Amino acid sequence: MQRQPEYIKNEDGSYNVVVPDVQLNEMDQLMIENGYPLDVELNIIDGRKITIKQRKKIFALINDIYMHTGQPQDDLRQMFQFYLQTIKGYDPISLSNCSVTVARELIEVILEWTFLHNVPLNHKTSDLLKEDAKFIYLTVINRQCIICGKPKSDLAHKQAIGRGRNRNKMDHYGHEVLALCRNHHTEQHQIGINSFNRKYHLENSWIKVDDRLNKMLKGR
């Protein structure tokens, strides 16, 4: 019986993988014995299949692009699938049985295209994507309200910044933010963060400030 790999987690969150019963040819053995590094490739095979929710997201995004551009939905789907196949070296992608990983990558490719081309998303589409890290991040850096899609929105903090603090000089690391239009940002402060999150299903949507967002919040 073939033994399973052993995974050793490092402090930084990465893993060392010990793979038993690996067959090495004579040249590989000579390289190791003489202290030369040996390059190896580890492929993680995702056996999980595309979910119903992922499929809904893909078709909702494609429908929004169709409504904005008039390009046939089947042509759009094939275009995005072919692009992902090309850049990743995948076999032809089928939305009936591709993996969860491939479906996630396809959603991210379509999302990047919609933001690049300023495609307005239907409210129901945005609602489907409110827990997708890629979607949330793109709405923030493009300052597009996560609720209604309005452009040039505010970068709203989950927890209010104390009065008297200069936002352009302070660092925002440790805070969580979302892009909210002025109306929804005002509502956030009026009804309180917990009620606001429950109303718009945003409990898991706020993202931590990174270097890029910190610069944006400081007005750079």
N, C-alpha and C. Protein backbone atom coordinates (compact mmCIF):
# COMPACT_ATOMS: atom_id res chain seq x y z
N MET A 1 0.85 -1.20 0.00
CA MET A 1 0.00 0.00 0.00
C MET A 1 0.88 1.25 0.00
N GLN A 2 0.57 2.21 -0.88
CA GLN A 2 1.37 3.41 -0.98
C GLN A 2 1.13 4.32 0.22
N ARG A 3 2.22 4.78 0.81
CA ARG A 3 2.12 5.66 1.96
C ARG A 3 1.75 7.07 1.55
N GLN A 4 1.03 7.77 2.44
CA GLN A 4 0.57 9.11 2.14
C GLN A 4 1.65 10.14 2.49
N PRO A 5 1.68 11.29 1.79
CA PRO A 5 2.65 12.34 2.11
C PRO A 5 2.45 12.87 3.53
N GLU A 6 3.51 13.37 4.11
CA GLU A 6 3.45 13.97 5.44
C GLU A 6 3.58 15.48 5.29
N TYR A 7 2.71 16.21 5.95
CA TYR A 7 2.70 17.67 5.85
C TYR A 7 3.16 18.28 7.17
N ILE A 8 4.17 19.12 7.10
CA ILE A 8 4.72 19.77 8.28
C ILE A 8 4.50 21.28 8.12
N LYS A 9 3.67 21.85 9.01
CA LYS A 9 3.31 23.26 8.90
C LYS A 9 4.39 24.13 9.54
N ASN A 10 4.81 25.17 8.82
CA ASN A 10 5.79 26.12 9.33
C ASN A 10 5.09 27.28 10.04
N GLU A 11 5.86 28.07 10.78
CA GLU A 11 5.29 29.17 11.54
C GLU A 11 4.67 30.24 10.64
N ASP A 12 5.19 30.37 9.42
CA ASP A 12 4.66 31.40 8.51
C ASP A 12 3.43 30.93 7.73
N GLY A 13 2.93 29.72 8.04
CA GLY A 13 1.74 29.20 7.37
C GLY A 13 2.02 28.34 6.17
N SER A 14 3.28 28.30 5.70
CA SER A 14 3.65 27.44 4.58
C SER A 14 3.84 26.00 5.08
N TYR A 15 4.03 25.07 4.14
CA TYR A 15 4.17 23.66 4.49
C TYR A 15 5.43 23.07 3.88
N ASN A 16 6.03 22.17 4.62
CA ASN A 16 7.04 21.27 4.06
C ASN A 16 6.34 19.93 3.82
N VAL A 17 6.52 19.38 2.63
CA VAL A 17 5.84 18.14 2.26
C VAL A 17 6.86 17.03 2.10
N VAL A 18 6.70 15.95 2.87
CA VAL A 18 7.57 14.78 2.76
C VAL A 18 6.80 13.71 1.98
N VAL A 19 7.30 13.39 0.79
CA VAL A 19 6.61 12.42 -0.07
C VAL A 19 7.39 11.10 -0.06
N PRO A 20 6.81 10.03 0.47
CA PRO A 20 7.51 8.74 0.52
C PRO A 20 7.42 7.98 -0.80
N ASP A 21 8.29 6.98 -0.94
CA ASP A 21 8.25 6.03 -2.06
C ASP A 21 8.40 6.70 -3.44
N VAL A 22 9.22 7.75 -3.52
CA VAL A 22 9.45 8.43 -4.79
C VAL A 22 10.56 7.70 -5.54
N GLN A 23 10.33 7.41 -6.82
CA GLN A 23 11.33 6.74 -7.65
C GLN A 23 12.26 7.77 -8.28
N LEU A 24 13.57 7.65 -8.05
CA LEU A 24 14.56 8.57 -8.62
C LEU A 24 15.42 7.83 -9.64
N ASN A 25 15.68 8.47 -10.78
CA ASN A 25 16.57 7.83 -11.75
C ASN A 25 18.03 8.05 -11.33
N GLU A 26 18.95 7.45 -12.06
CA GLU A 26 20.36 7.49 -11.68
C GLU A 26 20.91 8.91 -11.65
N MET A 27 20.52 9.74 -12.63
CA MET A 27 21.00 11.12 -12.67
C MET A 27 20.50 11.92 -11.47
N ASP A 28 19.22 11.70 -11.09
CA ASP A 28 18.69 12.39 -9.92
C ASP A 28 19.47 12.02 -8.66
N GLN A 29 19.75 10.74 -8.51
CA GLN A 29 20.49 10.27 -7.33
C GLN A 29 21.89 10.88 -7.30
N LEU A 30 22.56 10.95 -8.46
CA LEU A 30 23.90 11.53 -8.51
C LEU A 30 23.89 13.01 -8.11
N MET A 31 22.88 13.72 -8.57
CA MET A 31 22.78 15.14 -8.22
C MET A 31 22.62 15.33 -6.72
N ILE A 32 21.75 14.52 -6.11
CA ILE A 32 21.53 14.63 -4.66
C ILE A 32 22.79 14.26 -3.89
N GLU A 33 23.45 13.17 -4.32
CA GLU A 33 24.65 12.71 -3.62
C GLU A 33 25.79 13.72 -3.70
N ASN A 34 25.81 14.53 -4.77
CA ASN A 34 26.87 15.52 -4.94
C ASN A 34 26.46 16.92 -4.48
N GLY A 35 25.34 16.99 -3.79
CA GLY A 35 24.94 18.25 -3.18
C GLY A 35 24.28 19.25 -4.10
N TYR A 36 23.85 18.79 -5.28
CA TYR A 36 23.17 19.70 -6.20
C TYR A 36 21.67 19.73 -5.89
N PRO A 37 21.05 20.91 -6.00
CA PRO A 37 19.59 20.96 -5.75
C PRO A 37 18.83 20.25 -6.86
N LEU A 38 17.75 19.61 -6.49
CA LEU A 38 16.92 18.88 -7.46
C LEU A 38 15.55 19.53 -7.49
N ASP A 39 15.16 20.09 -8.64
CA ASP A 39 13.85 20.73 -8.77
C ASP A 39 12.77 19.67 -8.89
N VAL A 40 11.70 19.86 -8.12
CA VAL A 40 10.56 18.96 -8.20
C VAL A 40 9.30 19.79 -8.37
N GLU A 41 8.27 19.16 -8.87
CA GLU A 41 6.99 19.83 -9.06
C GLU A 41 5.91 19.05 -8.35
N LEU A 42 5.11 19.76 -7.53
CA LEU A 42 4.02 19.14 -6.78
C LEU A 42 2.71 19.70 -7.29
N ASN A 43 1.86 18.83 -7.82
CA ASN A 43 0.55 19.25 -8.30
C ASN A 43 -0.52 18.76 -7.33
N ILE A 44 -1.32 19.69 -6.81
CA ILE A 44 -2.43 19.34 -5.93
C ILE A 44 -3.67 19.14 -6.79
N ILE A 45 -4.21 17.96 -6.80
CA ILE A 45 -5.38 17.66 -7.61
C ILE A 45 -6.64 17.88 -6.77
N ASP A 46 -7.46 18.83 -7.21
CA ASP A 46 -8.70 19.15 -6.50
C ASP A 46 -9.81 18.25 -7.02
N GLY A 47 -10.23 17.30 -6.20
CA GLY A 47 -11.26 16.36 -6.63
C GLY A 47 -12.67 16.87 -6.44
N ARG A 48 -12.82 18.05 -5.82
CA ARG A 48 -14.16 18.61 -5.61
C ARG A 48 -14.70 19.19 -6.92
N LYS A 49 -15.97 19.01 -7.15
CA LYS A 49 -16.58 19.48 -8.39
C LYS A 49 -17.22 20.85 -8.20
N ILE A 50 -17.36 21.58 -9.29
CA ILE A 50 -17.98 22.90 -9.28
C ILE A 50 -19.31 22.85 -8.53
N THR A 51 -19.57 23.87 -7.69
CA THR A 51 -20.80 23.89 -6.91
C THR A 51 -21.91 24.60 -7.67
N ILE A 52 -23.13 24.40 -7.21
CA ILE A 52 -24.27 25.07 -7.82
C ILE A 52 -24.12 26.59 -7.68
N LYS A 53 -23.63 27.03 -6.52
CA LYS A 53 -23.47 28.47 -6.29
C LYS A 53 -22.42 29.07 -7.22
N GLN A 54 -21.32 28.34 -7.44
CA GLN A 54 -20.31 28.83 -8.37
C GLN A 54 -20.87 28.96 -9.78
N ARG A 55 -21.66 27.97 -10.18
CA ARG A 55 -22.24 28.01 -11.52
C ARG A 55 -23.19 29.21 -11.65
N LYS A 56 -23.95 29.47 -10.59
CA LYS A 56 -24.86 30.62 -10.60
C LYS A 56 -24.08 31.93 -10.75
N LYS A 57 -22.96 32.03 -10.06
CA LYS A 57 -22.14 33.25 -10.13
C LYS A 57 -21.61 33.47 -11.55
N ILE A 58 -21.13 32.40 -12.17
CA ILE A 58 -20.59 32.50 -13.53
C ILE A 58 -21.65 32.99 -14.50
N PHE A 59 -22.82 32.37 -14.46
CA PHE A 59 -23.86 32.74 -15.41
C PHE A 59 -24.46 34.12 -15.10
N ALA A 60 -24.50 34.49 -13.81
CA ALA A 60 -24.99 35.83 -13.46
C ALA A 60 -24.05 36.90 -13.99
N LEU A 61 -22.74 36.68 -13.85
CA LEU A 61 -21.75 37.64 -14.36
C LEU A 61 -21.83 37.74 -15.88
N ILE A 62 -21.92 36.60 -16.54
CA ILE A 62 -21.99 36.59 -18.00
C ILE A 62 -23.26 37.29 -18.48
N ASN A 63 -24.35 37.11 -17.77
CA ASN A 63 -25.60 37.78 -18.14
C ASN A 63 -25.48 39.29 -18.00
N ASP A 64 -24.80 39.75 -16.93
CA ASP A 64 -24.61 41.19 -16.75
C ASP A 64 -23.74 41.78 -17.86
N ILE A 65 -22.72 41.03 -18.28
CA ILE A 65 -21.87 41.49 -19.38
C ILE A 65 -22.68 41.55 -20.68
N TYR A 66 -23.51 40.54 -20.90
CA TYR A 66 -24.37 40.51 -22.08
C TYR A 66 -25.31 41.72 -22.11
N MET A 67 -25.89 42.05 -20.94
CA MET A 67 -26.81 43.17 -20.86
C MET A 67 -26.10 44.50 -21.14
N HIS A 68 -24.81 44.55 -20.83
CA HIS A 68 -24.04 45.79 -21.03
C HIS A 68 -23.46 45.89 -22.44
N THR A 69 -23.04 44.75 -23.00
CA THR A 69 -22.34 44.78 -24.29
C THR A 69 -23.16 44.26 -25.46
N GLY A 70 -24.14 43.40 -25.17
CA GLY A 70 -24.92 42.79 -26.25
C GLY A 70 -24.24 41.59 -26.87
N GLN A 71 -23.04 41.24 -26.38
CA GLN A 71 -22.34 40.07 -26.92
C GLN A 71 -23.02 38.79 -26.44
N PRO A 72 -23.29 37.84 -27.34
CA PRO A 72 -24.00 36.61 -26.95
C PRO A 72 -23.36 35.91 -25.75
N GLN A 73 -24.19 35.41 -24.85
CA GLN A 73 -23.71 34.80 -23.61
C GLN A 73 -22.83 33.58 -23.88
N ASP A 74 -23.20 32.76 -24.85
CA ASP A 74 -22.40 31.57 -25.13
C ASP A 74 -21.02 31.95 -25.64
N ASP A 75 -20.95 33.00 -26.44
CA ASP A 75 -19.65 33.48 -26.93
C ASP A 75 -18.79 33.98 -25.76
N LEU A 76 -19.42 34.69 -24.83
CA LEU A 76 -18.70 35.21 -23.67
C LEU A 76 -18.16 34.07 -22.81
N ARG A 77 -19.02 33.09 -22.56
CA ARG A 77 -18.60 31.95 -21.74
C ARG A 77 -17.41 31.24 -22.37
N GLN A 78 -17.50 30.97 -23.67
CA GLN A 78 -16.40 30.29 -24.35
C GLN A 78 -15.13 31.13 -24.36
N MET A 79 -15.27 32.45 -24.48
CA MET A 79 -14.11 33.34 -24.48
C MET A 79 -13.36 33.26 -23.15
N PHE A 80 -14.10 33.33 -22.04
CA PHE A 80 -13.46 33.30 -20.73
C PHE A 80 -12.86 31.91 -20.44
N GLN A 81 -13.58 30.86 -20.83
CA GLN A 81 -13.06 29.52 -20.60
C GLN A 81 -11.79 29.29 -21.41
N PHE A 82 -11.78 29.74 -22.65
CA PHE A 82 -10.60 29.57 -23.51
C PHE A 82 -9.41 30.36 -22.96
N TYR A 83 -9.69 31.57 -22.46
CA TYR A 83 -8.61 32.38 -21.89
C TYR A 83 -7.98 31.67 -20.70
N LEU A 84 -8.81 31.14 -19.79
CA LEU A 84 -8.28 30.44 -18.62
C LEU A 84 -7.53 29.18 -19.03
N GLN A 85 -8.07 28.45 -20.00
CA GLN A 85 -7.38 27.26 -20.51
C GLN A 85 -5.99 27.61 -21.04
N THR A 86 -5.91 28.75 -21.73
CA THR A 86 -4.65 29.15 -22.36
C THR A 86 -3.61 29.55 -21.32
N ILE A 87 -4.00 30.41 -20.36
CA ILE A 87 -3.01 30.92 -19.42
C ILE A 87 -2.60 29.87 -18.38
N LYS A 88 -3.49 28.90 -18.13
CA LYS A 88 -3.19 27.88 -17.13
C LYS A 88 -2.76 26.54 -17.73
N GLY A 89 -2.93 26.39 -19.05
CA GLY A 89 -2.60 25.12 -19.68
C GLY A 89 -3.58 24.01 -19.36
N TYR A 90 -4.84 24.39 -19.10
CA TYR A 90 -5.86 23.40 -18.76
C TYR A 90 -6.42 22.72 -20.01
N ASP A 91 -6.95 21.51 -19.80
CA ASP A 91 -7.75 20.87 -20.83
C ASP A 91 -9.06 21.66 -20.96
N PRO A 92 -9.83 21.44 -22.05
CA PRO A 92 -11.10 22.16 -22.20
C PRO A 92 -11.95 22.11 -20.93
N ILE A 93 -12.43 23.26 -20.51
CA ILE A 93 -13.19 23.39 -19.26
C ILE A 93 -14.67 23.16 -19.52
N SER A 94 -15.28 22.35 -18.67
CA SER A 94 -16.72 22.11 -18.74
C SER A 94 -17.35 22.61 -17.44
N LEU A 95 -18.40 23.40 -17.56
CA LEU A 95 -19.06 23.91 -16.36
C LEU A 95 -19.96 22.86 -15.70
N SER A 96 -20.00 21.68 -16.28
CA SER A 96 -20.79 20.60 -15.66
C SER A 96 -19.97 19.79 -14.68
N ASN A 97 -18.64 19.74 -14.87
CA ASN A 97 -17.85 18.87 -14.00
C ASN A 97 -16.43 19.36 -13.71
N CYS A 98 -16.13 20.65 -13.97
CA CYS A 98 -14.79 21.13 -13.64
C CYS A 98 -14.63 21.19 -12.12
N SER A 99 -13.41 21.37 -11.65
CA SER A 99 -13.16 21.38 -10.22
C SER A 99 -13.58 22.70 -9.59
N VAL A 100 -13.69 22.69 -8.27
CA VAL A 100 -13.99 23.91 -7.51
C VAL A 100 -12.92 24.96 -7.77
N THR A 101 -11.67 24.53 -7.84
CA THR A 101 -10.55 25.46 -8.06
C THR A 101 -10.66 26.13 -9.42
N VAL A 102 -10.91 25.36 -10.47
CA VAL A 102 -11.04 25.92 -11.81
C VAL A 102 -12.23 26.88 -11.87
N ALA A 103 -13.34 26.50 -11.25
CA ALA A 103 -14.52 27.37 -11.24
C ALA A 103 -14.21 28.69 -10.53
N ARG A 104 -13.47 28.63 -9.41
CA ARG A 104 -13.10 29.85 -8.70
C ARG A 104 -12.22 30.74 -9.56
N GLU A 105 -11.26 30.12 -10.25
CA GLU A 105 -10.37 30.89 -11.13
C GLU A 105 -11.15 31.53 -12.28
N LEU A 106 -12.13 30.82 -12.80
CA LEU A 106 -12.93 31.35 -13.90
C LEU A 106 -13.75 32.55 -13.42
N ILE A 107 -14.32 32.44 -12.23
CA ILE A 107 -15.08 33.56 -11.65
C ILE A 107 -14.18 34.78 -11.50
N GLU A 108 -12.94 34.56 -11.03
CA GLU A 108 -12.01 35.67 -10.83
C GLU A 108 -11.62 36.33 -12.16
N VAL A 109 -11.43 35.51 -13.20
CA VAL A 109 -11.11 36.05 -14.53
C VAL A 109 -12.26 36.93 -15.03
N ILE A 110 -13.49 36.44 -14.89
CA ILE A 110 -14.65 37.21 -15.36
C ILE A 110 -14.81 38.49 -14.55
N LEU A 111 -14.59 38.40 -13.22
CA LEU A 111 -14.69 39.58 -12.37
C LEU A 111 -13.70 40.66 -12.78
N GLU A 112 -12.45 40.26 -13.02
CA GLU A 112 -11.44 41.23 -13.42
C GLU A 112 -11.83 41.91 -14.73
N TRP A 113 -12.42 41.15 -15.64
CA TRP A 113 -12.85 41.71 -16.93
C TRP A 113 -13.98 42.72 -16.71
N THR A 114 -14.94 42.39 -15.85
CA THR A 114 -16.07 43.29 -15.63
C THR A 114 -15.62 44.61 -15.02
N PHE A 115 -14.67 44.56 -14.09
CA PHE A 115 -14.19 45.80 -13.48
C PHE A 115 -13.32 46.59 -14.46
N LEU A 116 -12.53 45.89 -15.24
CA LEU A 116 -11.68 46.55 -16.23
C LEU A 116 -12.51 47.32 -17.25
N HIS A 117 -13.67 46.75 -17.61
CA HIS A 117 -14.51 47.36 -18.64
C HIS A 117 -15.73 48.08 -18.05
N ASN A 118 -15.71 48.32 -16.74
CA ASN A 118 -16.77 49.09 -16.08
C ASN A 118 -18.17 48.55 -16.36
N VAL A 119 -18.31 47.24 -16.25
CA VAL A 119 -19.61 46.61 -16.47
C VAL A 119 -20.44 46.71 -15.18
N PRO A 120 -21.62 47.34 -15.22
CA PRO A 120 -22.45 47.43 -14.01
C PRO A 120 -23.02 46.06 -13.66
N LEU A 121 -22.94 45.71 -12.40
CA LEU A 121 -23.44 44.41 -11.96
C LEU A 121 -24.84 44.55 -11.38
N ASN A 122 -25.68 43.61 -11.73
CA ASN A 122 -27.02 43.55 -11.17
C ASN A 122 -26.93 43.36 -9.65
N HIS A 123 -27.90 43.91 -8.92
CA HIS A 123 -27.90 43.80 -7.46
C HIS A 123 -27.86 42.33 -7.01
N LYS A 124 -28.60 41.47 -7.73
CA LYS A 124 -28.61 40.05 -7.34
C LYS A 124 -27.25 39.41 -7.56
N THR A 125 -26.53 39.85 -8.60
CA THR A 125 -25.18 39.33 -8.84
C THR A 125 -24.25 39.74 -7.72
N SER A 126 -24.30 41.01 -7.34
CA SER A 126 -23.47 41.50 -6.24
C SER A 126 -23.76 40.75 -4.95
N ASP A 127 -25.04 40.47 -4.72
CA ASP A 127 -25.42 39.76 -3.51
C ASP A 127 -24.83 38.34 -3.48
N LEU A 128 -24.77 37.70 -4.65
CA LEU A 128 -24.18 36.36 -4.75
C LEU A 128 -22.69 36.38 -4.42
N LEU A 129 -22.04 37.52 -4.67
CA LEU A 129 -20.58 37.60 -4.59
C LEU A 129 -20.06 38.25 -3.31
N LYS A 130 -20.93 38.56 -2.37
CA LYS A 130 -20.53 39.37 -1.23
C LYS A 130 -19.52 38.71 -0.30
N GLU A 131 -19.32 37.41 -0.44
CA GLU A 131 -18.31 36.74 0.39
C GLU A 131 -17.11 36.29 -0.44
N ASP A 132 -17.05 36.69 -1.72
CA ASP A 132 -15.91 36.35 -2.57
C ASP A 132 -14.81 37.38 -2.36
N ALA A 133 -13.65 36.93 -1.87
CA ALA A 133 -12.56 37.84 -1.54
C ALA A 133 -12.15 38.68 -2.74
N LYS A 134 -12.10 38.06 -3.93
CA LYS A 134 -11.67 38.79 -5.13
C LYS A 134 -12.66 39.91 -5.46
N PHE A 135 -13.94 39.61 -5.40
CA PHE A 135 -14.97 40.61 -5.70
C PHE A 135 -14.90 41.76 -4.71
N ILE A 136 -14.79 41.44 -3.43
CA ILE A 136 -14.75 42.48 -2.40
C ILE A 136 -13.55 43.39 -2.62
N TYR A 137 -12.39 42.78 -2.87
CA TYR A 137 -11.18 43.58 -3.04
C TYR A 137 -11.28 44.49 -4.26
N LEU A 138 -11.84 43.96 -5.34
CA LEU A 138 -11.99 44.77 -6.55
C LEU A 138 -12.96 45.92 -6.34
N THR A 139 -14.04 45.70 -5.58
CA THR A 139 -14.96 46.81 -5.30
C THR A 139 -14.27 47.90 -4.48
N VAL A 140 -13.39 47.49 -3.57
CA VAL A 140 -12.72 48.46 -2.72
C VAL A 140 -11.71 49.28 -3.51
N ILE A 141 -10.80 48.61 -4.24
CA ILE A 141 -9.75 49.37 -4.94
C ILE A 141 -10.32 50.19 -6.09
N ASN A 142 -11.52 49.79 -6.58
CA ASN A 142 -12.18 50.58 -7.63
C ASN A 142 -13.21 51.55 -7.05
N ARG A 143 -13.32 51.53 -5.72
CA ARG A 143 -14.25 52.42 -4.99
C ARG A 143 -15.66 52.32 -5.57
N GLN A 144 -16.14 51.09 -5.67
CA GLN A 144 -17.48 50.82 -6.18
C GLN A 144 -18.30 50.22 -5.05
N CYS A 145 -19.39 50.85 -4.69
CA CYS A 145 -20.19 50.41 -3.54
C CYS A 145 -20.54 48.93 -3.65
N ILE A 146 -20.26 48.19 -2.60
CA ILE A 146 -20.49 46.75 -2.62
C ILE A 146 -21.98 46.42 -2.63
N ILE A 147 -22.81 47.37 -2.22
CA ILE A 147 -24.25 47.13 -2.13
C ILE A 147 -24.97 47.51 -3.43
N CYS A 148 -24.73 48.73 -3.90
CA CYS A 148 -25.48 49.22 -5.08
C CYS A 148 -24.62 49.41 -6.32
N GLY A 149 -23.28 49.28 -6.18
CA GLY A 149 -22.39 49.40 -7.33
C GLY A 149 -22.06 50.83 -7.73
N LYS A 150 -22.49 51.82 -6.95
CA LYS A 150 -22.24 53.21 -7.31
C LYS A 150 -20.75 53.51 -7.30
N PRO A 151 -20.22 54.14 -8.37
CA PRO A 151 -18.78 54.45 -8.44
C PRO A 151 -18.40 55.62 -7.53
N LYS A 152 -17.09 55.83 -7.37
CA LYS A 152 -16.54 56.92 -6.57
C LYS A 152 -17.10 56.90 -5.14
N SER A 153 -17.18 55.71 -4.58
CA SER A 153 -17.74 55.55 -3.24
C SER A 153 -16.68 55.81 -2.17
N ASP A 154 -17.15 55.91 -0.92
CA ASP A 154 -16.25 56.11 0.21
C ASP A 154 -15.57 54.80 0.58
N LEU A 155 -14.38 54.91 1.18
CA LEU A 155 -13.76 53.75 1.81
C LEU A 155 -14.16 53.80 3.28
N ALA A 156 -15.12 52.95 3.63
CA ALA A 156 -15.71 52.99 4.96
C ALA A 156 -15.02 52.01 5.90
N HIS A 157 -14.75 52.45 7.13
CA HIS A 157 -14.17 51.59 8.15
C HIS A 157 -15.27 50.83 8.87
N LYS A 158 -14.97 49.60 9.22
CA LYS A 158 -15.93 48.80 9.98
C LYS A 158 -16.14 49.41 11.36
N GLN A 159 -15.07 49.78 12.01
CA GLN A 159 -15.14 50.46 13.30
C GLN A 159 -14.75 51.92 13.08
N ALA A 160 -15.56 52.81 13.63
CA ALA A 160 -15.36 54.24 13.40
C ALA A 160 -14.00 54.71 13.88
N ILE A 161 -13.41 55.61 13.11
CA ILE A 161 -12.15 56.25 13.49
C ILE A 161 -12.46 57.38 14.46
N GLY A 162 -11.69 57.48 15.53
CA GLY A 162 -11.94 58.49 16.55
C GLY A 162 -11.86 59.90 16.00
N ARG A 163 -12.66 60.77 16.55
CA ARG A 163 -12.68 62.16 16.10
C ARG A 163 -11.33 62.82 16.39
N GLY A 164 -10.96 63.74 15.51
CA GLY A 164 -9.72 64.47 15.71
C GLY A 164 -8.50 63.82 15.08
N ARG A 165 -8.64 62.60 14.58
CA ARG A 165 -7.50 61.93 13.97
C ARG A 165 -7.43 62.28 12.49
N ASN A 166 -6.25 62.58 12.01
CA ASN A 166 -6.05 62.93 10.61
C ASN A 166 -5.87 61.66 9.80
N ARG A 167 -6.87 61.32 9.00
CA ARG A 167 -6.84 60.07 8.25
C ARG A 167 -5.73 60.05 7.21
N ASN A 168 -5.32 61.21 6.74
CA ASN A 168 -4.27 61.27 5.73
C ASN A 168 -2.88 61.04 6.31
N LYS A 169 -2.76 61.10 7.63
CA LYS A 169 -1.46 60.91 8.26
C LYS A 169 -1.36 59.60 9.05
N MET A 170 -2.49 59.11 9.53
CA MET A 170 -2.48 57.88 10.33
C MET A 170 -2.35 56.65 9.43
N ASP A 171 -1.78 55.58 9.98
CA ASP A 171 -1.79 54.29 9.28
C ASP A 171 -3.09 53.57 9.60
N HIS A 172 -3.62 52.87 8.62
CA HIS A 172 -4.92 52.21 8.77
C HIS A 172 -4.78 50.69 8.94
N TYR A 173 -3.57 50.22 9.13
CA TYR A 173 -3.36 48.79 9.34
C TYR A 173 -4.13 48.34 10.59
N GLY A 174 -4.69 47.13 10.52
CA GLY A 174 -5.47 46.62 11.65
C GLY A 174 -6.95 46.93 11.53
N HIS A 175 -7.30 47.85 10.61
CA HIS A 175 -8.71 48.17 10.38
C HIS A 175 -9.25 47.32 9.24
N GLU A 176 -10.58 47.23 9.16
CA GLU A 176 -11.26 46.55 8.07
C GLU A 176 -12.14 47.55 7.34
N VAL A 177 -12.20 47.42 6.01
CA VAL A 177 -12.92 48.42 5.22
C VAL A 177 -13.78 47.78 4.13
N LEU A 178 -14.69 48.59 3.62
CA LEU A 178 -15.49 48.26 2.44
C LEU A 178 -15.71 49.55 1.66
N ALA A 179 -16.06 49.41 0.40
CA ALA A 179 -16.47 50.57 -0.39
C ALA A 179 -17.97 50.74 -0.26
N LEU A 180 -18.39 51.90 0.23
CA LEU A 180 -19.81 52.19 0.40
C LEU A 180 -20.09 53.57 -0.18
N CYS A 181 -21.18 53.68 -0.95
CA CYS A 181 -21.58 54.99 -1.45
C CYS A 181 -21.96 55.87 -0.27
N ARG A 182 -22.10 57.17 -0.52
CA ARG A 182 -22.37 58.09 0.58
C ARG A 182 -23.65 57.72 1.34
N ASN A 183 -24.70 57.33 0.60
CA ASN A 183 -25.96 56.97 1.26
C ASN A 183 -25.80 55.76 2.17
N HIS A 184 -25.14 54.71 1.67
CA HIS A 184 -24.97 53.50 2.48
C HIS A 184 -23.95 53.71 3.60
N HIS A 185 -22.97 54.56 3.36
CA HIS A 185 -22.01 54.88 4.41
C HIS A 185 -22.71 55.62 5.55
N THR A 186 -23.57 56.56 5.19
CA THR A 186 -24.34 57.29 6.21
C THR A 186 -25.24 56.34 6.98
N GLU A 187 -25.88 55.42 6.25
CA GLU A 187 -26.77 54.45 6.91
C GLU A 187 -25.99 53.57 7.88
N GLN A 188 -24.76 53.21 7.51
CA GLN A 188 -23.93 52.38 8.40
C GLN A 188 -23.78 53.05 9.76
N HIS A 189 -23.52 54.35 9.75
CA HIS A 189 -23.33 55.07 11.01
C HIS A 189 -24.65 55.31 11.74
N GLN A 190 -25.74 55.43 10.98
CA GLN A 190 -27.03 55.72 11.61
C GLN A 190 -27.62 54.52 12.34
N ILE A 191 -27.50 53.32 11.74
CA ILE A 191 -28.15 52.15 12.35
C ILE A 191 -27.17 51.27 13.12
N GLY A 192 -25.87 51.55 13.02
CA GLY A 192 -24.89 50.75 13.74
C GLY A 192 -24.38 49.60 12.90
N ILE A 193 -23.14 49.22 13.15
CA ILE A 193 -22.48 48.24 12.30
C ILE A 193 -23.16 46.88 12.33
N ASN A 194 -23.62 46.42 13.49
CA ASN A 194 -24.22 45.08 13.56
C ASN A 194 -25.52 45.00 12.77
N SER A 195 -26.38 46.02 12.92
CA SER A 195 -27.64 46.05 12.17
C SER A 195 -27.37 46.20 10.67
N PHE A 196 -26.37 47.02 10.34
CA PHE A 196 -26.02 47.24 8.94
C PHE A 196 -25.52 45.94 8.29
N ASN A 197 -24.66 45.22 8.98
CA ASN A 197 -24.14 43.95 8.45
C ASN A 197 -25.25 42.93 8.26
N ARG A 198 -26.15 42.85 9.22
CA ARG A 198 -27.26 41.89 9.10
C ARG A 198 -28.18 42.24 7.95
N LYS A 199 -28.48 43.53 7.79
CA LYS A 199 -29.40 43.98 6.75
C LYS A 199 -28.88 43.64 5.36
N TYR A 200 -27.56 43.82 5.14
CA TYR A 200 -26.99 43.64 3.80
C TYR A 200 -26.10 42.38 3.69
N HIS A 201 -26.16 41.53 4.71
CA HIS A 201 -25.41 40.26 4.69
C HIS A 201 -23.92 40.49 4.47
N LEU A 202 -23.34 41.37 5.26
CA LEU A 202 -21.94 41.75 5.09
C LEU A 202 -21.06 41.28 6.24
N GLU A 203 -21.56 40.37 7.07
CA GLU A 203 -20.81 39.94 8.25
C GLU A 203 -19.40 39.45 7.91
N ASN A 204 -19.26 38.76 6.77
CA ASN A 204 -17.97 38.18 6.40
C ASN A 204 -17.32 38.88 5.21
N SER A 205 -17.70 40.13 4.97
CA SER A 205 -17.26 40.81 3.76
C SER A 205 -16.17 41.86 4.00
N TRP A 206 -16.00 42.33 5.19
CA TRP A 206 -15.02 43.39 5.45
C TRP A 206 -13.61 42.84 5.29
N ILE A 207 -12.73 43.63 4.67
CA ILE A 207 -11.38 43.16 4.41
C ILE A 207 -10.33 43.99 5.15
N LYS A 208 -9.26 43.34 5.53
CA LYS A 208 -8.19 44.01 6.27
C LYS A 208 -7.39 44.92 5.34
N VAL A 209 -6.95 46.03 5.88
CA VAL A 209 -6.19 47.00 5.11
C VAL A 209 -4.78 46.48 4.83
N ASP A 210 -4.40 46.49 3.54
CA ASP A 210 -3.03 46.12 3.15
C ASP A 210 -2.29 47.39 2.73
N ASP A 211 -1.10 47.25 2.19
CA ASP A 211 -0.30 48.42 1.82
C ASP A 211 -1.01 49.30 0.80
N ARG A 212 -1.60 48.65 -0.21
CA ARG A 212 -2.28 49.42 -1.27
C ARG A 212 -3.46 50.20 -0.71
N LEU A 213 -4.27 49.54 0.13
CA LEU A 213 -5.43 50.21 0.70
C LEU A 213 -5.01 51.29 1.69
N ASN A 214 -3.94 51.05 2.42
CA ASN A 214 -3.46 52.05 3.37
C ASN A 214 -3.10 53.35 2.64
N LYS A 215 -2.44 53.21 1.49
CA LYS A 215 -2.09 54.39 0.70
C LYS A 215 -3.34 55.10 0.18
N MET A 216 -4.33 54.31 -0.25
CA MET A 216 -5.57 54.91 -0.75
C MET A 216 -6.28 55.67 0.37
N LEU A 217 -6.31 55.08 1.56
CA LEU A 217 -7.00 55.70 2.70
C LEU A 217 -6.28 56.96 3.17
N LYS A 218 -5.00 57.05 2.87
CA LYS A 218 -4.24 58.24 3.23
C LYS A 218 -4.25 59.28 2.11
N GLY A 219 -5.05 58.99 1.07
CA GLY A 219 -5.22 59.97 0.00
C GLY A 219 -4.12 60.00 -1.03
N ARG A 220 -3.33 58.95 -1.12
CA ARG A 220 -2.23 58.95 -2.08
C ARG A 220 -2.67 58.36 -3.42
